[in-house]
C-alpha atoms as a PDB file:
ATOM      1  CA  MET A   1      -0.033   0.004  -0.254  1.00  0.00           C
ATOM      2  CA  ARG A   2       1.317   3.298  -0.559  1.00  0.00           C
ATOM      3  CA  PRO A   3       1.276   5.739   2.087  1.00  0.00           C
ATOM      4  CA  GLU A   4      -1.670   8.091   0.711  1.00  0.00           C
ATOM      5  CA  GLU A   5      -3.871   4.643   0.709  1.00  0.00           C
ATOM      6  CA  ILE A   6      -3.003   3.805   4.289  1.00  0.00           C
ATOM      7  CA  ALA A   7      -4.001   7.604   5.511  1.00  0.00           C
ATOM      8  CA  VAL A   8      -7.614   6.747   3.555  1.00  0.00           C
ATOM      9  CA  PHE A   9      -7.696   3.718   5.145  1.00  0.00           C
ATOM     10  CA  LEU A  10      -6.992   4.778   8.726  1.00  0.00           C
ATOM     11  CA  SER A  11      -9.546   7.806   8.386  1.00  0.00           C
ATOM     12  CA  ALA A  12     -12.252   5.753   7.070  1.00  0.00           C
ATOM     13  CA  PHE A  13     -13.250   4.030  10.260  1.00  0.00           C
ATOM     14  CA  ARG A  14     -15.553   5.496  12.586  1.00  0.00           C
ATOM     15  CA  ASP A  15     -14.855   8.603  14.587  1.00  0.00           C
ATOM     16  CA  ALA A  16     -11.705   8.434  13.363  1.00  0.00           C
ATOM     17  CA  SER A  17      -9.027  11.403  13.384  1.00  0.00           C
ATOM     18  CA  GLU A  18      -5.500  12.769  13.118  1.00  0.00           C
ATOM     19  CA  GLU A  19      -3.507  14.840  15.122  1.00  0.00           C
ATOM     20  CA  GLN A  20       0.259  15.051  15.107  1.00  0.00           C
ATOM     21  CA  PRO A  21       1.383  15.478  18.437  1.00  0.00           C
ATOM     22  CA  PHE A  22       5.379  14.272  17.871  1.00  0.00           C
ATOM     23  CA  GLY A  23       5.663  17.162  14.731  1.00  0.00           C
ATOM     24  CA  PRO A  24       4.983  17.403  11.122  1.00  0.00           C
ATOM     25  CA  SER A  25       6.002  13.793  10.124  1.00  0.00           C
ATOM     26  CA  VAL A  26       3.981  11.172  12.276  1.00  0.00           C
ATOM     27  CA  ASP A  27       0.405  10.904  11.961  1.00  0.00           C
ATOM     28  CA  VAL A  28      -1.597   9.777  15.144  1.00  0.00           C
ATOM     29  CA  TYR A  29      -4.724   8.234  14.648  1.00  0.00           C
ATOM     30  CA  LYS A  30      -7.459   8.471  17.329  1.00  0.00           C
ATOM     31  CA  VAL A  31     -10.770   7.207  18.487  1.00  0.00           C
ATOM     32  CA  ALA A  32     -12.489   8.456  20.829  1.00  0.00           C
ATOM     33  CA  GLY A  33      -8.813  10.035  22.284  1.00  0.00           C
ATOM     34  CA  LYS A  34      -7.560   6.328  21.989  1.00  0.00           C
ATOM     35  CA  MET A  35      -4.488   5.779  19.749  1.00  0.00           C
ATOM     36  CA  PHE A  36      -5.022   3.055  17.173  1.00  0.00           C
ATOM     37  CA  ALA A  37      -2.019   4.113  14.589  1.00  0.00           C
ATOM     38  CA  ILE A  38       1.190   6.084  14.187  1.00  0.00           C
ATOM     39  CA  PHE A  39       1.869   6.307  10.987  1.00  0.00           C
ATOM     40  CA  SER A  40       5.280   7.972   9.690  1.00  0.00           C
ATOM     41  CA  PRO A  41       5.133   8.121   6.014  1.00  0.00           C
ATOM     42  CA  GLU A  42       8.294   9.794   5.365  1.00  0.00           C
ATOM     43  CA  GLY A  43      11.395   8.579   4.136  1.00  0.00           C
ATOM     44  CA  PRO A  44      12.661   5.614   2.281  1.00  0.00           C
ATOM     45  CA  HIS A  45      10.851   3.348   3.981  1.00  0.00           C
ATOM     46  CA  PRO A  46       7.915   4.932   5.884  1.00  0.00           C
ATOM     47  CA  SER A  47       6.851   2.664   9.021  1.00  0.00           C
ATOM     48  CA  LEU A  48       3.170   2.230  11.010  1.00  0.00           C
ATOM     49  CA  SER A  49       2.688   1.363  14.722  1.00  0.00           C
ATOM     50  CA  LEU A  50      -1.004  -0.827  15.339  1.00  0.00           C
ATOM     51  CA  LYS A  51      -2.214  -2.529  18.645  1.00  0.00           C
ATOM     52  CA  CYS A  52      -2.305  -5.891  18.548  1.00  0.00           C
ATOM     53  CA  GLU A  53      -3.705  -8.889  20.689  1.00  0.00           C
ATOM     54  CA  PRO A  54      -0.274  -9.977  21.935  1.00  0.00           C
ATOM     55  CA  SER A  55       0.122 -13.693  20.510  1.00  0.00           C
ATOM     56  CA  TRP A  56      -0.927 -12.363  17.365  1.00  0.00           C
ATOM     57  CA  ALA A  57       1.545  -9.576  17.626  1.00  0.00           C
ATOM     58  CA  ALA A  58       4.198 -12.414  18.214  1.00  0.00           C
ATOM     59  CA  GLU A  59       2.521 -14.560  15.181  1.00  0.00           C
ATOM     60  CA  LEU A  60       3.119 -11.258  12.985  1.00  0.00           C
ATOM     61  CA  ARG A  61       6.828 -10.929  14.300  1.00  0.00           C
ATOM     62  CA  ALA A  62       8.012 -14.546  13.732  1.00  0.00           C
ATOM     63  CA  ARG A  63       5.972 -13.953  10.191  1.00  0.00           C
ATOM     64  CA  TYR A  64       7.504 -11.165   8.885  1.00  0.00           C
ATOM     65  CA  THR A  65      10.764  -9.597   9.460  1.00  0.00           C
ATOM     66  CA  ALA A  66       8.886  -6.289   8.598  1.00  0.00           C
ATOM     67  CA  VAL A  67       7.233  -6.325  11.286  1.00  0.00           C
ATOM     68  CA  VAL A  68       8.804  -5.692  14.662  1.00  0.00           C
ATOM     69  CA  PRO A  69       8.220  -5.083  18.729  1.00  0.00           C
ATOM     70  CA  GLY A  70       6.288  -1.079  18.675  1.00  0.00           C
ATOM     71  CA  TYR A  71       9.309   1.389  18.334  1.00  0.00           C
ATOM     72  CA  HIS A  72       8.694   3.596  21.853  1.00  0.00           C
ATOM     73  CA  LEU A  73       5.391   1.905  22.526  1.00  0.00           C
ATOM     74  CA  ASN A  74       4.451  -1.486  24.934  1.00  0.00           C
ATOM     75  CA  LYS A  75       6.016  -3.848  23.127  1.00  0.00           C
ATOM     76  CA  LEU A  76       4.019  -6.346  24.424  1.00  0.00           C
ATOM     77  CA  HIS A  77       0.477  -4.951  22.785  1.00  0.00           C
ATOM     78  CA  TRP A  78       1.760  -3.068  19.746  1.00  0.00           C
ATOM     79  CA  ASN A  79       3.623  -3.520  16.573  1.00  0.00           C
ATOM     80  CA  THR A  80       5.561  -1.451  14.329  1.00  0.00           C
ATOM     81  CA  ILE A  81       5.567  -2.639  11.073  1.00  0.00           C
ATOM     82  CA  VAL A  82       8.323  -1.281   8.063  1.00  0.00           C
ATOM     83  CA  LEU A  83       6.098  -0.613   4.767  1.00  0.00           C
ATOM     84  CA  ASP A  84       9.032  -2.172   2.652  1.00  0.00           C
ATOM     85  CA  GLY A  85       6.623  -3.674   0.608  1.00  0.00           C
ATOM     86  CA  THR A  86       7.002  -7.691   1.921  1.00  0.00           C
ATOM     87  CA  VAL A  87       3.999  -7.426   4.231  1.00  0.00           C
ATOM     88  CA  PRO A  88       0.732  -7.645   1.982  1.00  0.00           C
ATOM     89  CA  ASP A  89      -1.340  -5.416   1.472  1.00  0.00           C
ATOM     90  CA  ARG A  90      -4.571  -7.477   2.411  1.00  0.00           C
ATOM     91  CA  GLN A  91      -2.447  -8.164   5.831  1.00  0.00           C
ATOM     92  CA  LEU A  92      -1.956  -4.726   6.475  1.00  0.00           C
ATOM     93  CA  ARG A  93      -5.240  -3.800   6.163  1.00  0.00           C
ATOM     94  CA  LEU A  94      -6.313  -6.455   8.646  1.00  0.00           C
ATOM     95  CA  MET A  95      -3.813  -5.679  11.215  1.00  0.00           C
ATOM     96  CA  MET A  96      -4.971  -1.619  10.861  1.00  0.00           C
ATOM     97  CA  THR A  97      -9.237  -3.150  11.829  1.00  0.00           C
ATOM     98  CA  HIS A  98      -7.981  -5.358  13.969  1.00  0.00           C
ATOM     99  CA  SER A  99      -6.144  -2.443  15.816  1.00  0.00           C
ATOM    100  CA  TYR A 100      -8.715  -0.209  15.655  1.00  0.00           C
ATOM    101  CA  ASP A 101     -11.331  -2.621  17.041  1.00  0.00           C
ATOM    102  CA  ARG A 102      -9.068  -3.431  19.826  1.00  0.00           C
ATOM    103  CA  VAL A 103      -9.180   0.131  20.774  1.00  0.00           C
ATOM    104  CA  VAL A 104     -12.901   0.428  20.332  1.00  0.00           C
ATOM    105  CA  SER A 105     -13.493  -2.515  22.605  1.00  0.00           C
ATOM    106  CA  GLY A 106     -11.642  -0.999  25.365  1.00  0.00           C
ATOM    107  CA  LEU A 107     -14.176   1.869  25.393  1.00  0.00           C
ATOM    108  CA  PRO A 108     -16.869   2.431  27.676  1.00  0.00           C
ATOM    109  CA  LYS A 109     -19.696   0.728  26.399  1.00  0.00           C
ATOM    110  CA  SER A 110     -21.728   4.259  25.921  1.00  0.00           C
ATOM    111  CA  VAL A 111     -18.921   4.866  23.458  1.00  0.00           C
ATOM    112  CA  ARG A 112     -18.440   1.384  22.118  1.00  0.00           C
ATOM    113  CA  VAL A 113     -21.910   1.746  21.201  1.00  0.00           C
ATOM    114  CA  ARG A 114     -22.557   4.603  19.524  1.00  0.00           C
ATOM    115  CA  LEU A 115     -19.387   3.531  17.563  1.00  0.00           C
ATOM    116  CA  THR A 116     -20.195  -0.166  16.281  1.00  0.00           C
ATOM    117  CA  ASP A 117     -24.383   0.310  16.521  1.00  0.00           C
ATOM    118  CA  GLU A 118     -24.610  -2.506  19.026  1.00  0.00           C
ATOM    119  CA  GLU A 119     -27.043  -3.236  21.324  1.00  0.00           C
END
């Protein structure tokens, strides 16, 4: 995926917002004030950090050399993906969706209901 495609995909999640608290070259995506993605689109190999269920995070790291423990993040719950083209686009989309869903699942029920239309 090209950086602009990733930005569009992350922005499309319900109530997603984008901020740049770490400077203009790092985009932080949040839902209800909670981070679900950190995207550094510049440089020879852009990177994307995503929240992940710990056992799946370990599995992804074992499968792809471009997936490493979260850079400057809780390494149990976050992965950083070097966007060098070795992780398939479909897998990236799954990982981004999983990250968003993990954060939403930890939100208060009143917020979760609004975001997921659950009864």
